[in-house]
């Protein structure tokens, strides 16, 4: 089996647990090599180890997901929600076949408008969310259309469109719902809305979402997961589900609800301890 290793922090190469994992994999006849960009991906690669935290996993997904190679997250970060596995758990699971491949929805964003960049530069794909933010002090008027049907204008600091995977990321912090990872929905949620009668909206993942903004500033900020860029405020952002899914390797003992309770302390209540 050929395994590509993706990491953002070179100092992890000196980490004892990481070195032990690489040694164990090599002794078990796994071929290991490093991936920095998509050009580094070798033919017949079976999987990619994302070594770090959730930010590293998102970067790995943006690099290799459209190639169709599954990603296994090995946690050396803090939260470890997408990249949740301890390095000590990886080899036994691979040797015993105690893992499965999940298919996670990805978003594809396209920019439209005068002189709009067709190549977004930070890659047009996102695992968690695409978001728009104000670049100055003025509130944004955010116009959203779903399959051509316009919603009332949002007045807010920004707006995000999240996948079910992203429901536990930025969307959660702005009051969006938690969705099971295999739920086929998208979440539209305002960021710091300036009116109290708006709530996050859940739509089918077949929806085509178009976003334009009203702003006093010539620029706005667009993010795709952990990547950020400036766009012209008169451009339109069109968002839809990508034509491919992210393949994420889940070890047999990994469960979504247990991750919610252990990492996000969901349902933490003293009455549950009796």
Protein backbone atom coordinates (compact mmCIF):
# COMPACT_ATOMS: atom_id res chain seq x y z
CA UNK A 1 0.00 0.00 0.00
CA UNK A 2 1.27 3.45 -0.93
CA UNK A 3 0.60 6.24 1.58
CA UNK A 4 1.15 9.96 1.06
CA UNK A 5 1.85 12.05 4.17
CA UNK A 6 0.49 15.60 4.29
CA UNK A 7 1.49 18.00 7.05
CA UNK A 8 1.68 21.77 7.48
CA UNK A 9 4.02 21.93 10.46
CA UNK A 10 7.51 20.62 9.73
CA UNK A 11 8.29 20.46 13.44
CA UNK A 12 6.02 17.40 13.65
CA UNK A 13 8.74 15.48 11.81
CA UNK A 14 10.63 15.50 15.09
CA UNK A 15 7.63 14.28 17.08
CA UNK A 16 8.31 10.93 18.74
CA UNK A 17 4.80 9.56 18.18
CA UNK A 18 4.85 10.53 14.50
CA UNK A 19 8.26 8.94 13.97
CA UNK A 20 7.09 5.76 15.69
CA UNK A 21 4.03 5.65 13.42
CA UNK A 22 6.17 6.03 10.29
CA UNK A 23 8.56 3.34 11.50
CA UNK A 24 5.70 0.94 12.20
CA UNK A 25 4.12 1.56 8.80
CA UNK A 26 7.43 1.06 7.01
CA UNK A 27 8.09 -2.20 8.87
CA UNK A 28 4.63 -3.36 7.80
CA UNK A 29 5.69 -2.80 4.14
CA UNK A 30 3.74 0.41 3.58
CA UNK A 31 5.46 2.79 1.15
CA UNK A 32 5.51 6.34 2.56
CA UNK A 33 6.21 9.64 0.81
CA UNK A 34 5.53 13.35 1.44
CA UNK A 35 2.87 15.46 -0.28
CA UNK A 36 3.09 19.26 -0.38
CA UNK A 37 1.11 20.07 -3.55
CA UNK A 38 -1.13 18.13 -5.89
CA UNK A 39 1.81 17.70 -8.25
CA UNK A 40 3.51 15.54 -5.60
CA UNK A 41 0.80 12.86 -5.67
CA UNK A 42 2.23 9.63 -7.02
CA UNK A 43 0.28 7.16 -9.17
CA UNK A 44 -1.53 4.35 -7.35
CA UNK A 45 -1.53 6.14 -3.99
CA UNK A 46 -3.99 4.31 -1.72
CA UNK A 47 -4.54 6.92 0.97
CA UNK A 48 -3.25 10.15 2.45
CA UNK A 49 -2.37 10.61 6.10
CA UNK A 50 -3.23 14.14 7.24
CA UNK A 51 -0.87 14.74 10.16
CA UNK A 52 -1.81 17.63 12.43
CA UNK A 53 -5.18 19.09 13.38
CA UNK A 54 -8.42 19.97 11.63
CA UNK A 55 -6.77 22.85 9.74
CA UNK A 56 -4.28 20.44 8.24
CA UNK A 57 -7.09 18.07 7.28
CA UNK A 58 -8.95 20.86 5.47
CA UNK A 59 -5.81 21.79 3.54
CA UNK A 60 -5.22 18.14 2.66
CA UNK A 61 -8.80 17.87 1.41
CA UNK A 62 -8.38 20.93 -0.80
CA UNK A 63 -5.21 19.39 -2.22
CA UNK A 64 -6.23 15.81 -2.96
CA UNK A 65 -10.02 15.41 -2.75
CA UNK A 66 -10.74 15.89 -6.46
CA UNK A 67 -8.17 13.18 -7.22
CA UNK A 68 -10.34 10.70 -5.31
CA UNK A 69 -7.77 9.56 -2.74
CA UNK A 70 -9.21 8.90 0.75
CA UNK A 71 -7.81 10.88 3.69
CA UNK A 72 -7.13 9.58 7.19
CA UNK A 73 -6.71 12.29 9.81
CA UNK A 74 -4.08 11.72 12.52
CA UNK A 75 -4.53 14.18 15.36
CA UNK A 76 -1.57 16.18 16.62
CA UNK A 77 -3.65 19.35 17.03
CA UNK A 78 -6.17 20.63 19.55
CA UNK A 79 -9.81 19.88 18.72
CA UNK A 80 -9.36 16.97 16.34
CA UNK A 81 -12.90 16.73 15.00
CA UNK A 82 -12.13 15.84 11.39
CA UNK A 83 -8.61 14.71 12.23
CA UNK A 84 -9.60 12.64 15.22
CA UNK A 85 -7.43 9.53 15.31
CA UNK A 86 -4.53 8.87 17.66
CA UNK A 87 -1.35 7.82 15.83
CA UNK A 88 -1.25 4.62 17.89
CA UNK A 89 -4.63 3.57 16.40
CA UNK A 90 -3.70 3.86 12.74
CA UNK A 91 -1.59 0.76 12.01
CA UNK A 92 -3.80 -1.77 13.86
CA UNK A 93 -6.89 -0.45 12.07
CA UNK A 94 -5.23 -0.63 8.64
CA UNK A 95 -3.80 -4.11 9.28
CA UNK A 96 -7.11 -5.52 10.53
CA UNK A 97 -9.28 -3.66 8.01
CA UNK A 98 -11.19 -2.01 10.84
CA UNK A 99 -12.10 1.14 8.96
CA UNK A 100 -14.63 2.44 6.46
CA UNK A 101 -14.70 5.22 3.87
CA UNK A 102 -17.17 8.07 4.35
CA UNK A 103 -18.24 10.30 1.50
CA UNK A 104 -18.45 13.92 2.64
CA UNK A 105 -20.11 16.66 0.59
CA UNK A 106 -17.84 19.39 -0.77
CA UNK A 107 -18.80 22.86 -1.99
CA UNK A 108 -17.81 24.42 -5.29
CA UNK A 109 -17.76 28.23 -5.52
CA UNK A 110 -17.70 30.28 -8.71
CA UNK A 111 -17.17 34.05 -9.01
CA UNK A 112 -19.17 36.05 -11.57
CA UNK A 113 -18.86 39.70 -12.53
CA UNK A 114 -16.67 42.18 -14.39
CA UNK A 115 -13.06 40.98 -14.32
CA UNK A 116 -13.99 38.25 -11.82
CA UNK A 117 -11.29 35.65 -11.43
CA UNK A 118 -12.41 32.32 -12.80
CA UNK A 119 -9.59 30.62 -10.94
CA UNK A 120 -10.32 31.52 -7.32
CA UNK A 121 -6.69 30.96 -6.38
CA UNK A 122 -7.43 29.24 -3.05
CA UNK A 123 -9.05 26.37 -4.98
CA UNK A 124 -12.80 26.46 -5.63
CA UNK A 125 -13.62 23.69 -3.14
CA UNK A 126 -14.49 23.65 0.56
CA UNK A 127 -15.30 20.89 3.04
CA UNK A 128 -16.89 22.95 5.81
CA UNK A 129 -18.13 26.27 4.46
CA UNK A 130 -17.90 29.21 2.11
CA UNK A 131 -18.37 32.58 3.83
CA UNK A 132 -18.54 36.26 2.92
CA UNK A 133 -17.54 39.02 5.35
CA UNK A 134 -17.46 42.79 5.37
CA UNK A 135 -14.03 44.32 4.82
CA UNK A 136 -14.82 47.68 6.45
CA UNK A 137 -17.02 48.99 9.24
CA UNK A 138 -20.28 49.15 7.28
CA UNK A 139 -22.94 46.47 7.53
CA UNK A 140 -23.53 44.33 4.43
CA UNK A 141 -26.78 43.85 2.59
CA UNK A 142 -26.59 40.24 1.44
CA UNK A 143 -28.87 39.06 -1.33
CA UNK A 144 -29.37 35.29 -1.54
CA UNK A 145 -31.23 33.35 -4.21
CA UNK A 146 -31.94 29.62 -3.99
CA UNK A 147 -32.53 28.02 -7.39
CA UNK A 148 -33.34 31.49 -8.67
CA UNK A 149 -35.83 32.32 -5.88
CA UNK A 150 -34.74 35.38 -3.89
CA UNK A 151 -34.77 35.46 -0.09
CA UNK A 152 -35.30 38.67 1.89
CA UNK A 153 -32.03 40.61 2.09
CA UNK A 154 -29.84 39.77 5.07
CA UNK A 155 -28.30 42.75 6.90
CA UNK A 156 -25.28 41.36 8.71
CA UNK A 157 -21.51 41.29 9.05
CA UNK A 158 -21.49 38.35 6.67
CA UNK A 159 -23.08 35.07 5.68
CA UNK A 160 -21.94 31.49 5.31
CA UNK A 161 -23.03 28.40 3.43
CA UNK A 162 -22.01 25.21 5.22
CA UNK A 163 -22.16 21.49 4.55
CA UNK A 164 -23.31 18.97 7.14
CA UNK A 165 -19.61 18.40 7.91
CA UNK A 166 -19.29 22.13 8.54
CA UNK A 167 -22.28 22.18 10.88
CA UNK A 168 -19.88 21.66 13.80
CA UNK A 169 -17.45 24.35 12.60
CA UNK A 170 -18.09 28.04 11.83
CA UNK A 171 -21.82 27.43 11.34
CA UNK A 172 -22.13 26.17 14.92
CA UNK A 173 -20.55 29.34 16.30
CA UNK A 174 -23.14 31.53 14.56
CA UNK A 175 -26.07 29.50 15.85
CA UNK A 176 -26.54 26.95 13.09
CA UNK A 177 -27.91 23.44 13.71
CA UNK A 178 -25.80 20.32 14.22
CA UNK A 179 -26.26 17.84 11.37
CA UNK A 180 -25.14 14.24 11.13
CA UNK A 181 -22.27 14.01 8.61
CA UNK A 182 -24.28 11.99 6.07
CA UNK A 183 -27.21 14.42 6.07
CA UNK A 184 -27.73 15.74 2.53
CA UNK A 185 -28.31 19.39 3.37
CA UNK A 186 -26.67 22.81 3.20
CA UNK A 187 -26.94 25.47 5.90
CA UNK A 188 -27.30 29.17 5.12
CA UNK A 189 -26.50 31.25 8.21
CA UNK A 190 -25.98 35.00 8.73
CA UNK A 191 -22.95 36.19 10.69
CA UNK A 192 -23.82 38.77 13.37
CA UNK A 193 -27.17 39.74 11.79
CA UNK A 194 -28.38 43.28 12.42
CA UNK A 195 -32.02 42.19 12.68
CA UNK A 196 -33.48 39.71 15.14
CA UNK A 197 -36.03 38.03 12.90
CA UNK A 198 -33.62 35.96 10.80
CA UNK A 199 -32.48 32.42 11.53
CA UNK A 200 -30.20 29.88 9.84
CA UNK A 201 -31.91 28.14 6.94
CA UNK A 202 -31.49 24.49 5.96
CA UNK A 203 -31.87 23.64 2.27
CA UNK A 204 -31.37 20.46 0.20
CA UNK A 205 -27.83 19.88 -1.03
CA UNK A 206 -29.18 19.97 -4.59
CA UNK A 207 -29.78 23.73 -4.21
CA UNK A 208 -27.92 26.23 -6.38
CA UNK A 209 -27.15 29.26 -4.22
CA UNK A 210 -26.33 32.70 -5.58
CA UNK A 211 -25.02 35.46 -3.29
CA UNK A 212 -24.46 39.15 -4.04
CA UNK A 213 -23.84 41.99 -1.62
CA UNK A 214 -24.61 45.66 -1.12
CA UNK A 215 -21.66 47.44 0.45
CA UNK A 216 -20.14 50.90 0.88
CA UNK A 217 -16.72 49.30 0.55
CA UNK A 218 -15.25 48.25 -2.80
CA UNK A 219 -14.01 44.94 -1.41
CA UNK A 220 -15.38 42.07 0.64
CA UNK A 221 -13.69 39.05 2.23
CA UNK A 222 -14.38 35.53 1.05
CA UNK A 223 -13.23 32.42 2.90
CA UNK A 224 -13.28 28.77 1.92
CA UNK A 225 -12.56 26.69 5.01
CA UNK A 226 -9.17 27.96 6.20
CA UNK A 227 -8.31 30.02 3.09
CA UNK A 228 -9.11 33.73 2.64
CA UNK A 229 -9.15 36.17 -0.28
CA UNK A 230 -10.49 39.59 -1.24
CA UNK A 231 -13.22 39.90 -3.84
CA UNK A 232 -14.92 42.91 -5.44
CA UNK A 233 -18.14 43.77 -3.65
CA UNK A 234 -20.06 43.86 -6.94
CA UNK A 235 -19.18 40.27 -7.84
CA UNK A 236 -21.63 37.40 -7.43
CA UNK A 237 -20.69 34.15 -5.71
CA UNK A 238 -22.44 31.02 -6.94
CA UNK A 239 -22.26 27.98 -4.66
CA UNK A 240 -23.26 24.39 -5.34
CA UNK A 241 -22.23 20.92 -4.26
CA UNK A 242 -19.08 19.74 -6.07
CA UNK A 243 -19.34 16.90 -8.56
CA UNK A 244 -17.18 14.71 -6.33
CA UNK A 245 -17.15 13.89 -2.62
CA UNK A 246 -14.38 13.92 -0.08
CA UNK A 247 -13.38 10.39 0.85
CA UNK A 248 -12.66 10.35 4.58
CA UNK A 249 -11.40 7.22 6.32
CA UNK A 250 -13.19 6.54 9.60
CA UNK A 251 -11.74 4.00 12.00
CA UNK A 252 -14.14 1.45 13.43
CA UNK A 253 -14.20 2.91 16.94
CA UNK A 254 -14.89 6.46 15.74
CA UNK A 255 -18.43 7.73 16.33
CA UNK A 256 -19.91 11.17 15.59
CA UNK A 257 -21.99 11.47 18.78
CA UNK A 258 -19.07 10.47 20.99
CA UNK A 259 -16.98 13.13 19.25
CA UNK A 260 -19.67 15.72 20.02
CA UNK A 261 -19.73 14.80 23.70
CA UNK A 262 -15.97 14.41 24.20
CA UNK A 263 -14.76 17.37 22.13
CA UNK A 264 -17.64 19.86 22.16
CA UNK A 265 -19.10 18.73 25.52
CA UNK A 266 -22.54 18.41 23.96
CA UNK A 267 -25.18 17.76 26.60
CA UNK A 268 -22.77 18.38 29.48
CA UNK A 269 -25.03 18.46 32.53
CA UNK A 270 -24.37 17.44 36.11
CA UNK A 271 -27.63 15.47 36.10
CA UNK A 272 -26.20 13.13 33.46
CA UNK A 273 -23.55 11.91 35.90
CA UNK A 274 -26.04 10.13 38.16
